[in-house]
N, C-alpha and C. Protein backbone atom coordinates (compact mmCIF):
# COMPACT_ATOMS: atom_id res chain seq x y z
N UNK A 1 -65.98 -54.38 19.12
CA UNK A 1 -65.60 -53.90 17.80
C UNK A 1 -64.10 -53.63 17.77
N UNK A 2 -63.46 -54.05 16.73
CA UNK A 2 -62.01 -53.85 16.61
C UNK A 2 -61.73 -52.64 15.73
N UNK A 3 -60.55 -52.10 15.90
CA UNK A 3 -60.12 -50.94 15.12
C UNK A 3 -58.76 -51.24 14.51
N UNK A 4 -58.45 -50.62 13.39
CA UNK A 4 -57.13 -50.81 12.79
C UNK A 4 -56.03 -50.35 13.76
N UNK A 5 -54.84 -50.88 13.56
CA UNK A 5 -53.70 -50.54 14.40
C UNK A 5 -53.38 -49.05 14.28
N UNK A 6 -53.01 -48.46 15.42
CA UNK A 6 -52.62 -47.05 15.45
C UNK A 6 -51.69 -46.82 16.62
N UNK A 7 -51.03 -45.66 16.58
CA UNK A 7 -50.13 -45.30 17.68
C UNK A 7 -49.98 -43.78 17.69
N UNK A 8 -49.73 -43.23 18.87
CA UNK A 8 -49.41 -41.81 19.02
C UNK A 8 -48.06 -41.75 19.73
N UNK A 9 -47.12 -41.04 19.12
CA UNK A 9 -45.79 -40.87 19.74
C UNK A 9 -45.49 -39.39 19.86
N UNK A 10 -44.70 -39.06 20.86
CA UNK A 10 -44.25 -37.68 21.07
C UNK A 10 -42.82 -37.56 20.59
N UNK A 11 -42.55 -36.48 19.91
CA UNK A 11 -41.20 -36.21 19.41
C UNK A 11 -40.92 -34.72 19.55
N UNK A 12 -39.66 -34.37 19.45
CA UNK A 12 -39.26 -32.96 19.38
C UNK A 12 -38.67 -32.70 18.01
N UNK A 13 -38.87 -31.50 17.52
CA UNK A 13 -38.24 -31.09 16.26
C UNK A 13 -36.77 -30.82 16.59
N UNK A 14 -35.90 -31.54 15.93
CA UNK A 14 -34.46 -31.42 16.17
C UNK A 14 -33.88 -30.28 15.32
N UNK A 15 -32.71 -29.78 15.74
CA UNK A 15 -32.04 -28.71 15.00
C UNK A 15 -31.82 -29.12 13.54
N UNK A 16 -31.41 -30.35 13.32
CA UNK A 16 -31.14 -30.84 11.96
C UNK A 16 -32.41 -30.93 11.12
N UNK A 17 -33.59 -30.85 11.75
CA UNK A 17 -34.86 -30.91 11.03
C UNK A 17 -35.28 -29.55 10.47
N UNK A 18 -34.57 -28.50 10.83
CA UNK A 18 -34.95 -27.16 10.39
C UNK A 18 -34.10 -26.73 9.20
N UNK A 19 -34.63 -25.78 8.44
CA UNK A 19 -33.89 -25.25 7.29
C UNK A 19 -33.41 -23.83 7.61
N UNK A 20 -32.92 -23.13 6.62
CA UNK A 20 -32.34 -21.81 6.82
C UNK A 20 -33.35 -20.80 7.36
N UNK A 21 -34.63 -21.05 7.19
CA UNK A 21 -35.66 -20.14 7.69
C UNK A 21 -35.93 -20.34 9.19
N UNK A 22 -35.37 -21.43 9.76
CA UNK A 22 -35.61 -21.74 11.15
C UNK A 22 -36.85 -22.58 11.37
N UNK A 23 -37.53 -22.91 10.29
CA UNK A 23 -38.72 -23.75 10.37
C UNK A 23 -38.39 -25.16 9.90
N UNK A 24 -39.25 -26.10 10.25
CA UNK A 24 -38.94 -27.47 9.88
C UNK A 24 -39.00 -27.66 8.37
N UNK A 25 -38.10 -28.49 7.88
CA UNK A 25 -38.00 -28.79 6.45
C UNK A 25 -39.18 -29.65 6.05
N UNK A 26 -39.66 -29.49 4.82
CA UNK A 26 -40.87 -30.19 4.40
C UNK A 26 -40.76 -31.71 4.47
N UNK A 27 -39.58 -32.27 4.43
CA UNK A 27 -39.45 -33.73 4.50
C UNK A 27 -39.59 -34.26 5.93
N UNK A 28 -39.54 -33.39 6.91
CA UNK A 28 -39.58 -33.83 8.31
C UNK A 28 -40.92 -34.48 8.65
N UNK A 29 -42.01 -34.05 8.03
CA UNK A 29 -43.30 -34.68 8.28
C UNK A 29 -43.24 -36.17 7.96
N UNK A 30 -42.57 -36.51 6.85
CA UNK A 30 -42.44 -37.92 6.49
C UNK A 30 -41.52 -38.66 7.46
N UNK A 31 -40.46 -38.00 7.88
CA UNK A 31 -39.54 -38.61 8.85
C UNK A 31 -40.28 -38.92 10.15
N UNK A 32 -41.10 -37.98 10.63
CA UNK A 32 -41.85 -38.20 11.86
C UNK A 32 -42.86 -39.35 11.69
N UNK A 33 -43.51 -39.40 10.53
CA UNK A 33 -44.47 -40.49 10.28
C UNK A 33 -43.75 -41.83 10.22
N UNK A 34 -42.58 -41.87 9.61
CA UNK A 34 -41.83 -43.13 9.54
C UNK A 34 -41.34 -43.57 10.92
N UNK A 35 -40.96 -42.62 11.78
CA UNK A 35 -40.58 -42.98 13.14
C UNK A 35 -41.77 -43.59 13.88
N UNK A 36 -42.96 -43.02 13.68
CA UNK A 36 -44.16 -43.58 14.30
C UNK A 36 -44.45 -44.96 13.74
N UNK A 37 -44.23 -45.15 12.43
CA UNK A 37 -44.43 -46.46 11.82
C UNK A 37 -43.51 -47.51 12.45
N UNK A 38 -42.27 -47.16 12.65
CA UNK A 38 -41.32 -48.08 13.27
C UNK A 38 -41.81 -48.49 14.65
N UNK A 39 -42.30 -47.53 15.40
CA UNK A 39 -42.78 -47.84 16.75
C UNK A 39 -44.06 -48.67 16.70
N UNK A 40 -44.93 -48.38 15.74
CA UNK A 40 -46.15 -49.17 15.62
C UNK A 40 -45.83 -50.62 15.27
N UNK A 41 -45.00 -50.83 14.26
CA UNK A 41 -44.67 -52.20 13.85
C UNK A 41 -43.93 -52.95 14.96
N UNK A 42 -43.12 -52.23 15.74
CA UNK A 42 -42.44 -52.84 16.88
C UNK A 42 -43.45 -53.23 17.95
N UNK A 43 -44.36 -52.33 18.27
CA UNK A 43 -45.38 -52.62 19.29
C UNK A 43 -46.26 -53.79 18.88
N UNK A 44 -46.49 -53.94 17.58
CA UNK A 44 -47.32 -55.04 17.08
C UNK A 44 -46.55 -56.36 16.96
N UNK A 45 -45.23 -56.30 17.16
CA UNK A 45 -44.41 -57.50 17.04
C UNK A 45 -44.11 -57.89 15.60
N UNK A 46 -44.25 -56.92 14.66
CA UNK A 46 -44.05 -57.21 13.25
C UNK A 46 -42.76 -56.64 12.67
N UNK A 47 -42.09 -55.79 13.39
CA UNK A 47 -40.93 -55.09 12.83
C UNK A 47 -39.87 -56.06 12.30
N UNK A 48 -39.52 -57.08 13.06
CA UNK A 48 -38.48 -58.01 12.62
C UNK A 48 -38.90 -58.83 11.41
N UNK A 49 -40.21 -59.00 11.23
CA UNK A 49 -40.70 -59.82 10.12
C UNK A 49 -40.84 -59.05 8.81
N UNK A 50 -41.23 -57.77 8.87
CA UNK A 50 -41.53 -57.08 7.62
C UNK A 50 -40.77 -55.79 7.39
N UNK A 51 -40.15 -55.23 8.43
CA UNK A 51 -39.47 -53.95 8.22
C UNK A 51 -38.27 -54.16 7.30
N UNK A 52 -38.04 -53.24 6.42
CA UNK A 52 -36.98 -53.38 5.42
C UNK A 52 -37.50 -53.99 4.13
N UNK A 53 -38.73 -54.48 4.16
CA UNK A 53 -39.37 -55.03 2.94
C UNK A 53 -40.67 -54.29 2.66
N UNK A 54 -40.75 -53.05 3.13
CA UNK A 54 -41.99 -52.29 3.05
C UNK A 54 -41.71 -50.88 2.51
N UNK A 55 -41.22 -50.77 1.27
CA UNK A 55 -40.88 -49.44 0.74
C UNK A 55 -42.12 -48.61 0.43
N UNK A 56 -41.95 -47.30 0.52
CA UNK A 56 -43.02 -46.36 0.18
C UNK A 56 -43.19 -46.30 -1.34
N UNK A 57 -44.45 -46.27 -1.77
CA UNK A 57 -44.73 -46.08 -3.19
C UNK A 57 -45.52 -44.78 -3.41
N UNK A 58 -46.02 -44.20 -2.32
CA UNK A 58 -46.72 -42.92 -2.41
C UNK A 58 -46.65 -42.25 -1.05
N UNK A 59 -46.41 -40.94 -1.05
CA UNK A 59 -46.41 -40.15 0.17
C UNK A 59 -46.99 -38.78 -0.15
N UNK A 60 -47.87 -38.28 0.71
CA UNK A 60 -48.40 -36.94 0.53
C UNK A 60 -48.61 -36.31 1.90
N UNK A 61 -48.51 -34.98 1.94
CA UNK A 61 -48.72 -34.27 3.20
C UNK A 61 -49.23 -32.87 2.90
N UNK A 62 -50.15 -32.42 3.73
CA UNK A 62 -50.61 -31.04 3.74
C UNK A 62 -50.13 -30.43 5.04
N UNK A 63 -49.34 -29.37 4.93
CA UNK A 63 -48.78 -28.71 6.11
C UNK A 63 -49.51 -27.37 6.28
N UNK A 64 -50.05 -27.14 7.47
CA UNK A 64 -50.85 -25.94 7.69
C UNK A 64 -50.18 -24.91 8.58
N UNK A 65 -49.21 -25.33 9.38
CA UNK A 65 -48.49 -24.41 10.25
C UNK A 65 -47.04 -24.86 10.36
N UNK A 66 -46.12 -23.90 10.49
CA UNK A 66 -44.71 -24.27 10.62
C UNK A 66 -44.39 -24.77 12.02
N UNK A 67 -43.37 -25.60 12.10
CA UNK A 67 -42.80 -26.02 13.37
C UNK A 67 -41.40 -25.46 13.44
N UNK A 68 -40.93 -25.27 14.66
CA UNK A 68 -39.58 -24.73 14.86
C UNK A 68 -38.78 -25.69 15.74
N UNK A 69 -37.47 -25.45 15.77
CA UNK A 69 -36.57 -26.23 16.60
C UNK A 69 -37.12 -26.35 18.02
N UNK A 70 -37.11 -27.57 18.53
CA UNK A 70 -37.46 -27.94 19.90
C UNK A 70 -38.97 -27.96 20.17
N UNK A 71 -39.80 -27.68 19.16
CA UNK A 71 -41.24 -27.85 19.35
C UNK A 71 -41.52 -29.32 19.67
N UNK A 72 -42.39 -29.56 20.64
CA UNK A 72 -42.81 -30.92 20.92
C UNK A 72 -44.09 -31.19 20.13
N UNK A 73 -44.12 -32.35 19.48
CA UNK A 73 -45.27 -32.70 18.66
C UNK A 73 -45.76 -34.09 19.02
N UNK A 74 -47.02 -34.33 18.73
CA UNK A 74 -47.61 -35.66 18.76
C UNK A 74 -47.80 -36.10 17.33
N UNK A 75 -47.37 -37.32 17.06
CA UNK A 75 -47.55 -37.90 15.73
C UNK A 75 -48.49 -39.08 15.89
N UNK A 76 -49.65 -38.99 15.26
CA UNK A 76 -50.62 -40.08 15.27
C UNK A 76 -50.54 -40.78 13.92
N UNK A 77 -50.30 -42.07 13.96
CA UNK A 77 -50.23 -42.88 12.74
C UNK A 77 -51.26 -43.99 12.87
N UNK A 78 -52.05 -44.20 11.83
CA UNK A 78 -53.07 -45.23 11.87
C UNK A 78 -53.12 -45.98 10.55
N UNK A 79 -53.41 -47.25 10.62
CA UNK A 79 -53.60 -48.05 9.41
C UNK A 79 -54.97 -47.68 8.85
N UNK A 80 -54.99 -47.28 7.59
CA UNK A 80 -56.25 -46.94 6.93
C UNK A 80 -56.77 -48.09 6.08
N UNK A 81 -55.83 -48.84 5.47
CA UNK A 81 -56.26 -49.93 4.60
C UNK A 81 -55.12 -50.93 4.45
N UNK A 82 -55.47 -52.20 4.48
CA UNK A 82 -54.53 -53.27 4.18
C UNK A 82 -55.00 -53.88 2.87
N UNK A 83 -54.27 -53.61 1.80
CA UNK A 83 -54.61 -54.16 0.49
C UNK A 83 -54.05 -55.56 0.31
N UNK A 84 -54.07 -56.04 -0.89
CA UNK A 84 -53.53 -57.37 -1.17
C UNK A 84 -52.04 -57.43 -0.87
N UNK A 85 -51.29 -56.41 -1.34
CA UNK A 85 -49.84 -56.33 -1.08
C UNK A 85 -49.46 -54.99 -0.45
N UNK A 86 -50.40 -54.07 -0.36
CA UNK A 86 -50.09 -52.72 0.11
C UNK A 86 -50.62 -52.45 1.51
N UNK A 87 -50.13 -51.37 2.06
CA UNK A 87 -50.54 -50.91 3.38
C UNK A 87 -50.62 -49.39 3.30
N UNK A 88 -51.79 -48.83 3.62
CA UNK A 88 -51.97 -47.38 3.59
C UNK A 88 -52.10 -46.87 5.01
N UNK A 89 -51.27 -45.88 5.34
CA UNK A 89 -51.31 -45.22 6.64
C UNK A 89 -51.84 -43.80 6.45
N UNK A 90 -52.55 -43.33 7.44
CA UNK A 90 -52.85 -41.92 7.56
C UNK A 90 -52.09 -41.40 8.76
N UNK A 91 -51.66 -40.15 8.71
CA UNK A 91 -50.98 -39.59 9.87
C UNK A 91 -51.36 -38.13 10.08
N UNK A 92 -51.27 -37.71 11.33
CA UNK A 92 -51.50 -36.32 11.70
C UNK A 92 -50.40 -35.92 12.67
N UNK A 93 -49.93 -34.70 12.53
CA UNK A 93 -48.92 -34.15 13.43
C UNK A 93 -49.57 -32.96 14.13
N UNK A 94 -49.49 -32.95 15.47
CA UNK A 94 -50.10 -31.89 16.25
C UNK A 94 -49.09 -31.26 17.20
N UNK A 95 -49.22 -29.96 17.36
CA UNK A 95 -48.44 -29.22 18.36
C UNK A 95 -49.45 -28.59 19.30
N UNK A 96 -49.34 -28.91 20.59
CA UNK A 96 -50.25 -28.39 21.61
C UNK A 96 -51.71 -28.57 21.21
N UNK A 97 -52.02 -29.74 20.65
CA UNK A 97 -53.38 -30.07 20.28
C UNK A 97 -53.86 -29.54 18.95
N UNK A 98 -53.06 -28.69 18.31
CA UNK A 98 -53.43 -28.12 17.01
C UNK A 98 -52.76 -28.89 15.89
N UNK A 99 -53.55 -29.35 14.94
CA UNK A 99 -52.99 -30.09 13.81
C UNK A 99 -52.18 -29.14 12.93
N UNK A 100 -50.94 -29.54 12.64
CA UNK A 100 -50.06 -28.74 11.79
C UNK A 100 -49.73 -29.44 10.48
N UNK A 101 -50.02 -30.73 10.40
CA UNK A 101 -49.79 -31.49 9.16
C UNK A 101 -50.65 -32.74 9.17
N UNK A 102 -51.07 -33.13 7.98
CA UNK A 102 -51.86 -34.36 7.79
C UNK A 102 -51.41 -34.99 6.50
N UNK A 103 -51.27 -36.32 6.50
CA UNK A 103 -50.79 -36.96 5.28
C UNK A 103 -51.14 -38.43 5.19
N UNK A 104 -50.64 -39.03 4.12
CA UNK A 104 -50.83 -40.46 3.87
C UNK A 104 -49.53 -41.04 3.34
N UNK A 105 -49.31 -42.29 3.65
CA UNK A 105 -48.19 -43.05 3.10
C UNK A 105 -48.73 -44.40 2.65
N UNK A 106 -48.29 -44.83 1.48
CA UNK A 106 -48.64 -46.16 0.98
C UNK A 106 -47.34 -46.92 0.79
N UNK A 107 -47.29 -48.12 1.34
CA UNK A 107 -46.12 -48.98 1.22
C UNK A 107 -46.57 -50.31 0.60
N UNK A 108 -45.63 -51.01 0.01
CA UNK A 108 -45.91 -52.30 -0.60
C UNK A 108 -44.97 -53.33 0.02
N UNK A 109 -45.53 -54.46 0.42
CA UNK A 109 -44.74 -55.54 1.00
C UNK A 109 -44.02 -56.29 -0.12
N UNK A 110 -42.73 -56.48 0.07
CA UNK A 110 -41.91 -57.19 -0.92
C UNK A 110 -41.30 -58.45 -0.32
N UNK A 111 -41.05 -59.41 -1.19
CA UNK A 111 -40.25 -60.57 -0.81
C UNK A 111 -38.79 -60.11 -0.76
N UNK A 112 -37.93 -60.91 -0.19
CA UNK A 112 -36.50 -60.58 -0.14
C UNK A 112 -35.94 -60.40 -1.55
N UNK A 113 -36.53 -61.09 -2.53
CA UNK A 113 -36.07 -61.00 -3.92
C UNK A 113 -36.56 -59.73 -4.62
N UNK A 114 -37.48 -58.96 -3.98
CA UNK A 114 -37.94 -57.72 -4.55
C UNK A 114 -39.31 -57.75 -5.21
N UNK A 115 -39.92 -58.93 -5.35
CA UNK A 115 -41.27 -59.01 -5.93
C UNK A 115 -42.30 -58.71 -4.86
N UNK A 116 -43.45 -58.19 -5.30
CA UNK A 116 -44.55 -57.94 -4.36
C UNK A 116 -44.98 -59.24 -3.71
N UNK A 117 -45.36 -59.13 -2.44
CA UNK A 117 -45.79 -60.29 -1.68
C UNK A 117 -47.14 -60.00 -1.04
N UNK A 118 -48.07 -60.94 -1.13
CA UNK A 118 -49.35 -60.79 -0.47
C UNK A 118 -49.16 -60.87 1.04
N UNK A 119 -50.02 -60.15 1.76
CA UNK A 119 -49.94 -60.17 3.21
C UNK A 119 -50.29 -61.54 3.76
N UNK A 120 -49.53 -61.99 4.71
CA UNK A 120 -49.85 -63.18 5.47
C UNK A 120 -51.15 -62.88 6.23
N UNK A 121 -52.08 -63.84 6.31
CA UNK A 121 -53.35 -63.59 7.01
C UNK A 121 -53.16 -63.12 8.46
N UNK A 122 -52.13 -63.63 9.13
CA UNK A 122 -51.87 -63.20 10.51
C UNK A 122 -51.47 -61.73 10.57
N UNK A 123 -50.60 -61.31 9.65
CA UNK A 123 -50.19 -59.90 9.59
C UNK A 123 -51.38 -59.01 9.28
N UNK A 124 -52.18 -59.44 8.30
CA UNK A 124 -53.37 -58.68 7.90
C UNK A 124 -54.30 -58.48 9.11
N UNK A 125 -54.53 -59.56 9.83
CA UNK A 125 -55.41 -59.50 11.01
C UNK A 125 -54.88 -58.52 12.05
N UNK A 126 -53.60 -58.60 12.35
CA UNK A 126 -52.99 -57.71 13.34
C UNK A 126 -53.13 -56.25 12.90
N UNK A 127 -52.75 -55.96 11.67
CA UNK A 127 -52.80 -54.58 11.17
C UNK A 127 -54.22 -54.03 11.14
N UNK A 128 -55.17 -54.88 10.80
CA UNK A 128 -56.55 -54.43 10.63
C UNK A 128 -57.35 -54.35 11.92
N UNK A 129 -56.88 -55.02 13.00
CA UNK A 129 -57.73 -55.11 14.19
C UNK A 129 -57.04 -54.81 15.52
N UNK A 130 -55.75 -54.53 15.54
CA UNK A 130 -55.02 -54.41 16.82
C UNK A 130 -55.38 -53.17 17.63
N UNK A 131 -55.98 -52.17 17.01
CA UNK A 131 -56.37 -50.96 17.75
C UNK A 131 -55.18 -50.13 18.18
N UNK A 132 -55.45 -49.22 19.11
CA UNK A 132 -54.43 -48.27 19.58
C UNK A 132 -53.34 -49.00 20.37
N UNK A 133 -52.11 -48.70 20.02
CA UNK A 133 -50.95 -49.28 20.69
C UNK A 133 -50.30 -48.23 21.58
N UNK A 134 -49.78 -48.66 22.69
CA UNK A 134 -49.04 -47.77 23.59
C UNK A 134 -47.56 -47.87 23.26
N UNK A 135 -46.87 -46.77 23.40
CA UNK A 135 -45.42 -46.79 23.23
C UNK A 135 -44.80 -46.23 24.48
N UNK A 136 -43.96 -47.02 25.12
CA UNK A 136 -43.34 -46.58 26.36
C UNK A 136 -41.85 -46.34 26.20
N UNK A 137 -41.31 -46.61 25.00
CA UNK A 137 -39.87 -46.43 24.77
C UNK A 137 -39.50 -44.99 24.50
N UNK A 138 -38.21 -44.78 24.34
CA UNK A 138 -37.71 -43.42 24.07
C UNK A 138 -37.84 -43.07 22.62
C-alpha cells in the first residue's frame, strides 16, 4: 500500500521568529511549513520543476501553545490531496512530542505565464504515493 508524500524536519525557533512578547510570531508556523515543503519537494526530485510556480491560495493554522526562541520543533508536512491543479498539505508542529500547531496549506500549480496548469501524471503519482521521505540536509 502506498501513502502520500510526507516529511518530518527538525528546526529551531530563531530570534527573528519571535515578537516583543518573546514568543513566536503567528506567521512562523507558515514559515516552518514552507521550509518543510521545500525539503519535501527537493527529496522528491520536484523542486527544480515546480517550485516558484506553486503559490499559496489558502493557509490556516490553529496554534495551541507558544514557542520561544531556540525551542527545537519537529515539523511534519504531508500531502493530503492532489487536485486537478491544486495541492493540499496538512502540517503539524511539535515540541518534545507535544503538538503546538496544526494547519493546512493549499497551493495551485501555474504555468510560467501565470495560468493554472494541470498536474503532470508523473508529478501526481509521486506526490500521491511516495510515502515518508527522509531529510539528511541541514
